[in-house]
């Protein structure tokens, strides 16, 4: 090995200064090429893969965030489909703090209710609960109570899952 190094040193010493400079320049070019191929290029490819995975992950997060409310609503509708309509109405009344309607009649999956002098805000909350459970509002008739601000008389027809979807 030492003989090979000495032989190489003799050959370099025999070259003219310009030839030595050219040989050094070629060695630098080959060294830079090897650096690029063995170090920089694999790092660049790794960075691209990580970036693509990050984009896929962000797209999945966006998809799940967008569809989360739909999935929650669908699960609520599925749960509500197995509950009797009267039970759903009663639990929503309790959740919103609304008093029981003055009259309520049920025919199959259709319910007609009457509220007298009820808080408008509480009624709207209750109707929102009905819609979250997949119950459709088919008829809503409101009449403001003149002597009680913020209170209304309401006649409402709701349709449950079998007829209303």
N, C-alpha and C. Protein backbone atom coordinates (compact mmCIF):
# COMPACT_ATOMS: atom_id res chain seq x y z
N UNK A 1 0.83 -1.18 0.00
CA UNK A 1 0.00 0.00 0.00
C UNK A 1 0.88 1.25 0.00
N UNK A 2 1.95 1.23 0.78
CA UNK A 2 2.86 2.36 0.83
C UNK A 2 3.53 2.55 -0.52
N UNK A 3 3.83 1.46 -1.20
CA UNK A 3 4.47 1.54 -2.52
C UNK A 3 3.54 2.20 -3.52
N UNK A 4 2.25 1.90 -3.42
CA UNK A 4 1.28 2.49 -4.35
C UNK A 4 1.17 3.99 -4.12
N UNK A 5 1.21 4.42 -2.85
CA UNK A 5 1.13 5.85 -2.54
C UNK A 5 2.38 6.55 -3.05
N UNK A 6 3.54 5.94 -2.84
CA UNK A 6 4.78 6.56 -3.33
C UNK A 6 4.79 6.64 -4.84
N UNK A 7 4.28 5.63 -5.52
CA UNK A 7 4.21 5.64 -6.98
C UNK A 7 3.30 6.77 -7.46
N UNK A 8 2.16 6.97 -6.78
CA UNK A 8 1.23 8.04 -7.13
C UNK A 8 1.87 9.41 -6.90
N UNK A 9 2.60 9.56 -5.80
CA UNK A 9 3.27 10.84 -5.53
C UNK A 9 4.33 11.15 -6.60
N UNK A 10 5.05 10.13 -7.06
CA UNK A 10 6.04 10.34 -8.13
C UNK A 10 5.37 10.78 -9.41
N UNK A 11 4.27 10.16 -9.76
CA UNK A 11 3.56 10.53 -10.99
C UNK A 11 3.02 11.95 -10.90
N UNK A 12 2.49 12.36 -9.71
CA UNK A 12 1.99 13.73 -9.54
C UNK A 12 3.13 14.74 -9.64
N UNK A 13 4.28 14.40 -9.09
CA UNK A 13 5.43 15.31 -9.13
C UNK A 13 5.91 15.48 -10.57
N UNK A 14 5.72 14.46 -11.39
CA UNK A 14 6.18 14.52 -12.77
C UNK A 14 5.25 15.37 -13.63
N UNK A 15 4.03 15.65 -13.14
CA UNK A 15 3.07 16.45 -13.94
C UNK A 15 3.42 17.93 -13.87
N UNK A 16 3.06 18.62 -14.92
CA UNK A 16 3.25 20.07 -14.96
C UNK A 16 2.23 20.71 -14.02
N UNK A 17 2.51 21.96 -13.55
CA UNK A 17 1.59 22.63 -12.63
C UNK A 17 0.16 22.73 -13.17
N UNK A 18 0.00 23.00 -14.44
CA UNK A 18 -1.33 23.10 -15.04
C UNK A 18 -2.05 21.76 -15.01
N UNK A 19 -1.34 20.69 -15.27
CA UNK A 19 -1.95 19.36 -15.24
C UNK A 19 -2.36 19.00 -13.81
N UNK A 20 -1.57 19.39 -12.82
CA UNK A 20 -1.94 19.14 -11.43
C UNK A 20 -3.21 19.90 -11.06
N UNK A 21 -3.32 21.17 -11.50
CA UNK A 21 -4.52 21.96 -11.23
C UNK A 21 -5.74 21.31 -11.88
N UNK A 22 -5.60 20.84 -13.09
CA UNK A 22 -6.70 20.18 -13.79
C UNK A 22 -7.11 18.90 -13.05
N UNK A 23 -6.14 18.14 -12.58
CA UNK A 23 -6.41 16.92 -11.84
C UNK A 23 -7.12 17.23 -10.52
N UNK A 24 -6.71 18.28 -9.80
CA UNK A 24 -7.37 18.69 -8.56
C UNK A 24 -8.80 19.13 -8.86
N UNK A 25 -9.00 19.89 -9.93
CA UNK A 25 -10.34 20.34 -10.31
C UNK A 25 -11.24 19.14 -10.60
N UNK A 26 -10.73 18.15 -11.31
CA UNK A 26 -11.52 16.96 -11.61
C UNK A 26 -11.85 16.20 -10.32
N UNK A 27 -10.91 16.14 -9.38
CA UNK A 27 -11.15 15.47 -8.11
C UNK A 27 -12.24 16.19 -7.31
N UNK A 28 -12.21 17.53 -7.34
CA UNK A 28 -13.24 18.31 -6.66
C UNK A 28 -14.61 18.05 -7.29
N UNK A 29 -14.67 18.02 -8.62
CA UNK A 29 -15.94 17.77 -9.32
C UNK A 29 -16.47 16.39 -8.97
N UNK A 30 -15.61 15.37 -9.01
CA UNK A 30 -16.03 14.02 -8.65
C UNK A 30 -16.48 13.98 -7.18
N UNK A 31 -15.76 14.66 -6.30
CA UNK A 31 -16.15 14.71 -4.89
C UNK A 31 -17.50 15.36 -4.69
N UNK A 32 -17.76 16.46 -5.38
CA UNK A 32 -19.06 17.13 -5.27
C UNK A 32 -20.18 16.25 -5.83
N UNK A 33 -19.90 15.56 -6.93
CA UNK A 33 -20.89 14.65 -7.50
C UNK A 33 -21.24 13.55 -6.50
N UNK A 34 -20.22 12.95 -5.90
CA UNK A 34 -20.46 11.90 -4.92
C UNK A 34 -21.21 12.43 -3.70
N UNK A 35 -20.86 13.62 -3.24
CA UNK A 35 -21.57 14.24 -2.13
C UNK A 35 -23.06 14.41 -2.47
N UNK A 36 -23.31 14.89 -3.67
CA UNK A 36 -24.71 15.09 -4.09
C UNK A 36 -25.46 13.78 -4.19
N UNK A 37 -24.85 12.76 -4.81
CA UNK A 37 -25.52 11.48 -5.01
C UNK A 37 -25.69 10.68 -3.72
N UNK A 38 -24.71 10.73 -2.86
CA UNK A 38 -24.75 9.88 -1.67
C UNK A 38 -25.35 10.56 -0.44
N UNK A 39 -25.37 11.90 -0.40
CA UNK A 39 -25.87 12.59 0.79
C UNK A 39 -27.07 13.48 0.47
N UNK A 40 -26.89 14.42 -0.43
CA UNK A 40 -27.93 15.42 -0.67
C UNK A 40 -29.17 14.85 -1.35
N UNK A 41 -29.01 14.03 -2.37
CA UNK A 41 -30.16 13.49 -3.09
C UNK A 41 -31.03 12.61 -2.19
N UNK A 42 -30.46 11.69 -1.40
CA UNK A 42 -31.32 10.92 -0.48
C UNK A 42 -32.04 11.80 0.54
N UNK A 43 -31.38 12.84 1.01
CA UNK A 43 -32.03 13.77 1.95
C UNK A 43 -33.20 14.48 1.27
N UNK A 44 -33.03 14.88 0.04
CA UNK A 44 -34.08 15.56 -0.71
C UNK A 44 -35.28 14.64 -0.93
N UNK A 45 -35.03 13.38 -1.29
CA UNK A 45 -36.12 12.43 -1.49
C UNK A 45 -36.85 12.15 -0.18
N UNK A 46 -36.11 12.05 0.91
CA UNK A 46 -36.73 11.84 2.21
C UNK A 46 -37.62 13.03 2.57
N UNK A 47 -37.16 14.24 2.31
CA UNK A 47 -37.94 15.44 2.58
C UNK A 47 -39.23 15.46 1.77
N UNK A 48 -39.15 15.04 0.51
CA UNK A 48 -40.36 15.01 -0.33
C UNK A 48 -41.37 13.98 0.21
N UNK A 49 -40.90 12.81 0.62
CA UNK A 49 -41.81 11.80 1.18
C UNK A 49 -42.48 12.30 2.46
N UNK A 50 -41.70 12.95 3.31
CA UNK A 50 -42.26 13.49 4.55
C UNK A 50 -43.30 14.56 4.24
N UNK A 51 -43.00 15.41 3.27
CA UNK A 51 -43.94 16.47 2.89
C UNK A 51 -45.24 15.87 2.33
N UNK A 52 -45.12 14.83 1.50
CA UNK A 52 -46.31 14.18 0.95
C UNK A 52 -47.14 13.53 2.06
N UNK A 53 -46.49 12.88 3.01
CA UNK A 53 -47.20 12.28 4.14
C UNK A 53 -47.90 13.35 4.97
N UNK A 54 -47.23 14.46 5.17
CA UNK A 54 -47.83 15.56 5.93
C UNK A 54 -49.07 16.08 5.20
N UNK A 55 -48.99 16.21 3.87
CA UNK A 55 -50.15 16.68 3.11
C UNK A 55 -51.30 15.69 3.20
N UNK A 56 -51.00 14.39 3.11
CA UNK A 56 -52.05 13.38 3.25
C UNK A 56 -52.68 13.45 4.63
N UNK A 57 -51.85 13.61 5.64
CA UNK A 57 -52.34 13.70 7.00
C UNK A 57 -53.24 14.92 7.18
N UNK A 58 -52.81 16.05 6.62
CA UNK A 58 -53.62 17.27 6.71
C UNK A 58 -54.94 17.10 5.97
N UNK A 59 -54.90 16.43 4.82
CA UNK A 59 -56.14 16.20 4.06
C UNK A 59 -57.09 15.29 4.83
N UNK A 60 -56.55 14.27 5.49
CA UNK A 60 -57.41 13.40 6.29
C UNK A 60 -57.99 14.14 7.48
N UNK A 61 -57.18 14.97 8.11
CA UNK A 61 -57.69 15.77 9.24
C UNK A 61 -58.81 16.68 8.78
N UNK A 62 -58.63 17.32 7.64
CA UNK A 62 -59.66 18.21 7.10
C UNK A 62 -60.92 17.41 6.78
N UNK A 63 -60.76 16.24 6.19
CA UNK A 63 -61.91 15.40 5.85
C UNK A 63 -62.69 15.02 7.11
N UNK A 64 -61.96 14.56 8.14
CA UNK A 64 -62.65 14.16 9.36
C UNK A 64 -63.28 15.34 10.08
N UNK A 65 -62.62 16.47 10.06
CA UNK A 65 -63.20 17.66 10.69
C UNK A 65 -64.48 18.08 9.97
N UNK A 66 -64.44 18.02 8.64
CA UNK A 66 -65.61 18.42 7.85
C UNK A 66 -66.78 17.46 8.08
N UNK A 67 -66.48 16.19 8.16
CA UNK A 67 -67.56 15.20 8.24
C UNK A 67 -67.90 14.79 9.67
N UNK A 68 -67.20 15.35 10.64
CA UNK A 68 -67.46 14.98 12.03
C UNK A 68 -68.89 15.32 12.43
N UNK A 69 -69.35 16.51 12.08
CA UNK A 69 -70.72 16.89 12.46
C UNK A 69 -71.74 15.99 11.78
N UNK A 70 -71.47 15.63 10.52
CA UNK A 70 -72.39 14.73 9.82
C UNK A 70 -72.43 13.36 10.49
N UNK A 71 -71.25 12.87 10.91
CA UNK A 71 -71.20 11.57 11.57
C UNK A 71 -71.91 11.61 12.92
N UNK A 72 -71.72 12.68 13.67
CA UNK A 72 -72.39 12.82 14.96
C UNK A 72 -73.90 12.88 14.75
N UNK A 73 -74.32 13.67 13.78
CA UNK A 73 -75.76 13.79 13.51
C UNK A 73 -76.34 12.45 13.06
N UNK A 74 -75.61 11.74 12.20
CA UNK A 74 -76.10 10.44 11.75
C UNK A 74 -76.21 9.46 12.91
N UNK A 75 -75.25 9.49 13.83
CA UNK A 75 -75.34 8.58 14.97
C UNK A 75 -76.50 8.96 15.88
N UNK A 76 -76.75 10.27 16.03
CA UNK A 76 -77.90 10.70 16.83
C UNK A 76 -79.21 10.26 16.18
N UNK A 77 -79.26 10.38 14.86
CA UNK A 77 -80.48 9.94 14.16
C UNK A 77 -80.67 8.43 14.30
N UNK A 78 -79.57 7.70 14.22
CA UNK A 78 -79.65 6.25 14.37
C UNK A 78 -80.15 5.88 15.77
N UNK A 79 -79.61 6.56 16.79
CA UNK A 79 -80.06 6.31 18.16
C UNK A 79 -81.52 6.73 18.32
N UNK A 80 -81.88 7.86 17.72
CA UNK A 80 -83.25 8.36 17.85
C UNK A 80 -84.24 7.45 17.12
N UNK A 81 -83.79 6.79 16.06
CA UNK A 81 -84.68 5.91 15.31
C UNK A 81 -85.14 4.73 16.16
N UNK A 82 -84.35 4.39 17.19
CA UNK A 82 -84.71 3.28 18.05
C UNK A 82 -85.46 3.72 19.30
N UNK A 83 -85.66 5.02 19.47
CA UNK A 83 -86.40 5.53 20.62
C UNK A 83 -87.81 5.91 20.17
N UNK A 84 -88.79 5.72 21.04
CA UNK A 84 -90.14 6.18 20.70
C UNK A 84 -90.15 7.71 20.57
N UNK A 85 -90.95 8.20 19.66
CA UNK A 85 -91.04 9.63 19.38
C UNK A 85 -91.41 10.42 20.63
N UNK A 86 -92.33 9.91 21.42
CA UNK A 86 -92.75 10.61 22.64
C UNK A 86 -91.58 10.73 23.62
N UNK A 87 -90.73 9.71 23.69
CA UNK A 87 -89.57 9.75 24.58
C UNK A 87 -88.56 10.80 24.11
N UNK A 88 -88.36 10.91 22.81
CA UNK A 88 -87.44 11.92 22.27
C UNK A 88 -87.97 13.32 22.59
N UNK A 89 -89.26 13.52 22.39
CA UNK A 89 -89.88 14.82 22.68
C UNK A 89 -89.72 15.16 24.15
N UNK A 90 -89.99 14.20 25.02
CA UNK A 90 -89.90 14.45 26.46
C UNK A 90 -88.47 14.76 26.88
N UNK A 91 -87.50 14.02 26.37
CA UNK A 91 -86.10 14.28 26.78
C UNK A 91 -85.64 15.64 26.27
N UNK A 92 -86.09 16.04 25.09
CA UNK A 92 -85.73 17.37 24.58
C UNK A 92 -86.39 18.47 25.40
N UNK A 93 -87.61 18.25 25.87
CA UNK A 93 -88.28 19.22 26.74
C UNK A 93 -87.46 19.41 28.02
N UNK A 94 -86.98 18.31 28.59
CA UNK A 94 -86.20 18.38 29.83
C UNK A 94 -84.88 19.09 29.57
N UNK A 95 -84.20 18.76 28.45
CA UNK A 95 -82.90 19.37 28.14
C UNK A 95 -83.00 20.88 27.95
N UNK A 96 -84.08 21.34 27.35
CA UNK A 96 -84.21 22.77 27.07
C UNK A 96 -84.91 23.53 28.18
N UNK A 97 -85.47 22.81 29.16
CA UNK A 97 -86.16 23.48 30.26
C UNK A 97 -87.54 23.98 29.88
N UNK A 98 -88.07 23.47 28.81
CA UNK A 98 -89.39 23.90 28.33
C UNK A 98 -90.47 23.11 29.07
N UNK A 99 -91.57 23.79 29.44
CA UNK A 99 -92.69 23.12 30.10
C UNK A 99 -93.40 22.23 29.09
N UNK A 100 -94.09 21.23 29.60
CA UNK A 100 -94.83 20.31 28.73
C UNK A 100 -95.87 21.08 27.92
N UNK A 101 -96.14 20.63 26.69
CA UNK A 101 -97.13 21.32 25.88
C UNK A 101 -98.53 21.21 26.49
N UNK A 102 -99.36 22.20 26.15
CA UNK A 102 -100.72 22.18 26.70
C UNK A 102 -101.53 21.04 26.09
N UNK A 103 -101.18 20.63 24.87
CA UNK A 103 -101.81 19.44 24.28
C UNK A 103 -100.82 18.79 23.33
N UNK A 104 -100.91 17.46 23.26
CA UNK A 104 -100.04 16.71 22.37
C UNK A 104 -100.78 15.46 21.93
N UNK A 105 -100.93 15.31 20.62
CA UNK A 105 -101.56 14.10 20.09
C UNK A 105 -100.61 13.46 19.09
N UNK A 106 -100.55 12.11 19.15
CA UNK A 106 -99.65 11.38 18.27
C UNK A 106 -100.44 10.42 17.42
N UNK A 107 -100.15 10.45 16.11
CA UNK A 107 -100.74 9.53 15.16
C UNK A 107 -99.59 8.88 14.40
N UNK A 108 -99.25 7.66 14.74
CA UNK A 108 -98.11 7.00 14.10
C UNK A 108 -96.83 7.75 14.43
N UNK A 109 -96.16 8.21 13.40
CA UNK A 109 -94.91 8.96 13.58
C UNK A 109 -95.13 10.46 13.46
N UNK A 110 -96.38 10.90 13.54
CA UNK A 110 -96.69 12.34 13.47
C UNK A 110 -97.24 12.79 14.82
N UNK A 111 -96.70 13.93 15.29
CA UNK A 111 -97.13 14.47 16.58
C UNK A 111 -97.55 15.92 16.39
N UNK A 112 -98.73 16.26 16.94
CA UNK A 112 -99.19 17.64 16.92
C UNK A 112 -99.16 18.16 18.35
N UNK A 113 -98.49 19.31 18.53
CA UNK A 113 -98.36 19.88 19.88
C UNK A 113 -98.86 21.31 19.88
N UNK A 114 -99.32 21.73 21.05
CA UNK A 114 -99.76 23.10 21.26
C UNK A 114 -99.06 23.62 22.51
N UNK A 115 -98.45 24.78 22.40
CA UNK A 115 -97.82 25.44 23.54
C UNK A 115 -98.53 26.77 23.77
N UNK A 116 -98.78 27.11 25.01
CA UNK A 116 -99.43 28.38 25.36
C UNK A 116 -98.44 29.22 26.17
N UNK A 117 -98.24 30.46 25.76
CA UNK A 117 -97.40 31.44 26.46
C UNK A 117 -96.04 30.85 26.85
N UNK A 118 -95.36 30.30 25.87
CA UNK A 118 -94.07 29.67 26.11
C UNK A 118 -92.95 30.63 25.66
N UNK A 119 -91.80 30.53 26.29
CA UNK A 119 -90.64 31.36 25.92
C UNK A 119 -90.22 31.03 24.48
N UNK A 120 -90.09 32.07 23.67
CA UNK A 120 -89.70 31.88 22.27
C UNK A 120 -88.32 31.23 22.17
N UNK A 121 -87.37 31.70 22.98
CA UNK A 121 -86.01 31.16 22.93
C UNK A 121 -85.98 29.68 23.32
N UNK A 122 -86.72 29.31 24.35
CA UNK A 122 -86.77 27.91 24.77
C UNK A 122 -87.42 27.04 23.70
N UNK A 123 -88.44 27.59 23.03
CA UNK A 123 -89.12 26.84 21.96
C UNK A 123 -88.16 26.60 20.79
N UNK A 124 -87.39 27.61 20.43
CA UNK A 124 -86.43 27.45 19.33
C UNK A 124 -85.36 26.42 19.71
N UNK A 125 -84.90 26.43 20.94
CA UNK A 125 -83.93 25.42 21.40
C UNK A 125 -84.52 24.02 21.31
N UNK A 126 -85.77 23.90 21.71
CA UNK A 126 -86.43 22.60 21.66
C UNK A 126 -86.58 22.11 20.22
N UNK A 127 -86.96 23.02 19.32
CA UNK A 127 -87.08 22.64 17.90
C UNK A 127 -85.73 22.24 17.32
N UNK A 128 -84.67 22.91 17.75
CA UNK A 128 -83.33 22.54 17.28
C UNK A 128 -82.98 21.12 17.76
N UNK A 129 -83.36 20.79 19.00
CA UNK A 129 -83.14 19.44 19.52
C UNK A 129 -83.90 18.42 18.68
N UNK A 130 -85.11 18.76 18.31
CA UNK A 130 -85.90 17.84 17.48
C UNK A 130 -85.19 17.57 16.16
N UNK A 131 -84.69 18.62 15.53
CA UNK A 131 -84.01 18.45 14.26
C UNK A 131 -82.71 17.66 14.41
N UNK A 132 -82.01 17.84 15.52
CA UNK A 132 -80.78 17.07 15.75
C UNK A 132 -81.07 15.58 15.89
N UNK A 133 -82.27 15.25 16.32
CA UNK A 133 -82.66 13.84 16.44
C UNK A 133 -83.30 13.33 15.15
N UNK A 134 -83.28 14.12 14.10
CA UNK A 134 -83.80 13.68 12.81
C UNK A 134 -85.31 13.80 12.68
N UNK A 135 -85.93 14.55 13.55
CA UNK A 135 -87.38 14.75 13.49
C UNK A 135 -87.64 16.03 12.71
N UNK A 136 -88.51 15.92 11.72
CA UNK A 136 -88.78 17.07 10.86
C UNK A 136 -89.94 17.90 11.39
N UNK A 137 -89.81 19.20 11.17
CA UNK A 137 -90.88 20.13 11.54
C UNK A 137 -91.71 20.34 10.28
N UNK A 138 -92.96 19.84 10.31
CA UNK A 138 -93.82 19.94 9.14
C UNK A 138 -94.66 21.21 9.16
N UNK A 139 -95.04 21.66 10.35
CA UNK A 139 -95.88 22.85 10.46
C UNK A 139 -95.47 23.59 11.73
N UNK A 140 -95.30 24.88 11.58
CA UNK A 140 -94.96 25.72 12.74
C UNK A 140 -95.78 26.99 12.63
N UNK A 141 -96.68 27.18 13.58
CA UNK A 141 -97.54 28.36 13.59
C UNK A 141 -97.30 29.07 14.91
N UNK A 142 -96.77 30.30 14.85
CA UNK A 142 -96.45 31.07 16.05
C UNK A 142 -97.33 32.31 16.12
N UNK A 143 -97.74 32.66 17.32
CA UNK A 143 -98.51 33.87 17.55
C UNK A 143 -97.96 34.52 18.82
N UNK A 144 -97.49 35.76 18.69
CA UNK A 144 -96.89 36.46 19.83
C UNK A 144 -97.95 36.77 20.87
N UNK A 145 -97.60 36.61 22.13
CA UNK A 145 -98.48 36.99 23.23
C UNK A 145 -98.29 38.49 23.46
N UNK A 146 -99.34 39.28 23.24
CA UNK A 146 -99.20 40.74 23.29
C UNK A 146 -98.87 41.26 24.68
N UNK A 147 -99.43 40.64 25.71
CA UNK A 147 -99.19 41.15 27.05
C UNK A 147 -97.96 40.54 27.72
N UNK A 148 -97.26 39.59 27.03
CA UNK A 148 -96.07 38.94 27.59
C UNK A 148 -94.95 38.96 26.55
N UNK A 149 -94.04 39.93 26.64
CA UNK A 149 -92.96 40.00 25.66
C UNK A 149 -92.05 38.76 25.73
N UNK A 150 -91.63 38.28 24.57
CA UNK A 150 -90.76 37.12 24.50
C UNK A 150 -91.48 35.79 24.62
N UNK A 151 -92.81 35.84 24.69
CA UNK A 151 -93.60 34.61 24.83
C UNK A 151 -94.51 34.47 23.61
N UNK A 152 -94.75 33.20 23.22
CA UNK A 152 -95.57 32.92 22.04
C UNK A 152 -96.52 31.76 22.33
N UNK A 153 -97.58 31.73 21.55
CA UNK A 153 -98.43 30.55 21.48
C UNK A 153 -98.00 29.83 20.21
N UNK A 154 -97.84 28.50 20.27
CA UNK A 154 -97.31 27.77 19.13
C UNK A 154 -98.12 26.52 18.86
N UNK A 155 -98.32 26.26 17.58
CA UNK A 155 -98.93 25.00 17.13
C UNK A 155 -97.90 24.37 16.19
N UNK A 156 -97.48 23.17 16.54
CA UNK A 156 -96.36 22.53 15.82
C UNK A 156 -96.75 21.10 15.44
N UNK A 157 -96.42 20.72 14.20
CA UNK A 157 -96.58 19.34 13.76
C UNK A 157 -95.20 18.80 13.43
N UNK A 158 -94.85 17.70 14.08
CA UNK A 158 -93.56 17.04 13.89
C UNK A 158 -93.77 15.69 13.25
N UNK A 159 -92.80 15.28 12.43
CA UNK A 159 -92.87 13.96 11.80
C UNK A 159 -91.59 13.22 12.13
N UNK A 160 -91.76 12.00 12.65
CA UNK A 160 -90.62 11.19 13.04
C UNK A 160 -90.00 10.45 11.87
N UNK A 161 -89.30 9.38 12.16
CA UNK A 161 -88.42 8.71 11.20
C UNK A 161 -89.17 7.90 10.15
N UNK A 162 -90.26 7.25 10.50
CA UNK A 162 -90.91 6.36 9.55
C UNK A 162 -91.48 7.13 8.37
N UNK A 163 -92.19 8.23 8.63
CA UNK A 163 -92.78 9.01 7.54
C UNK A 163 -91.85 10.12 7.09
N UNK A 164 -91.08 10.73 8.04
CA UNK A 164 -90.30 11.92 7.73
C UNK A 164 -88.91 11.64 7.22
N UNK A 165 -88.43 10.39 7.24
CA UNK A 165 -87.10 10.09 6.71
C UNK A 165 -86.17 9.97 7.81
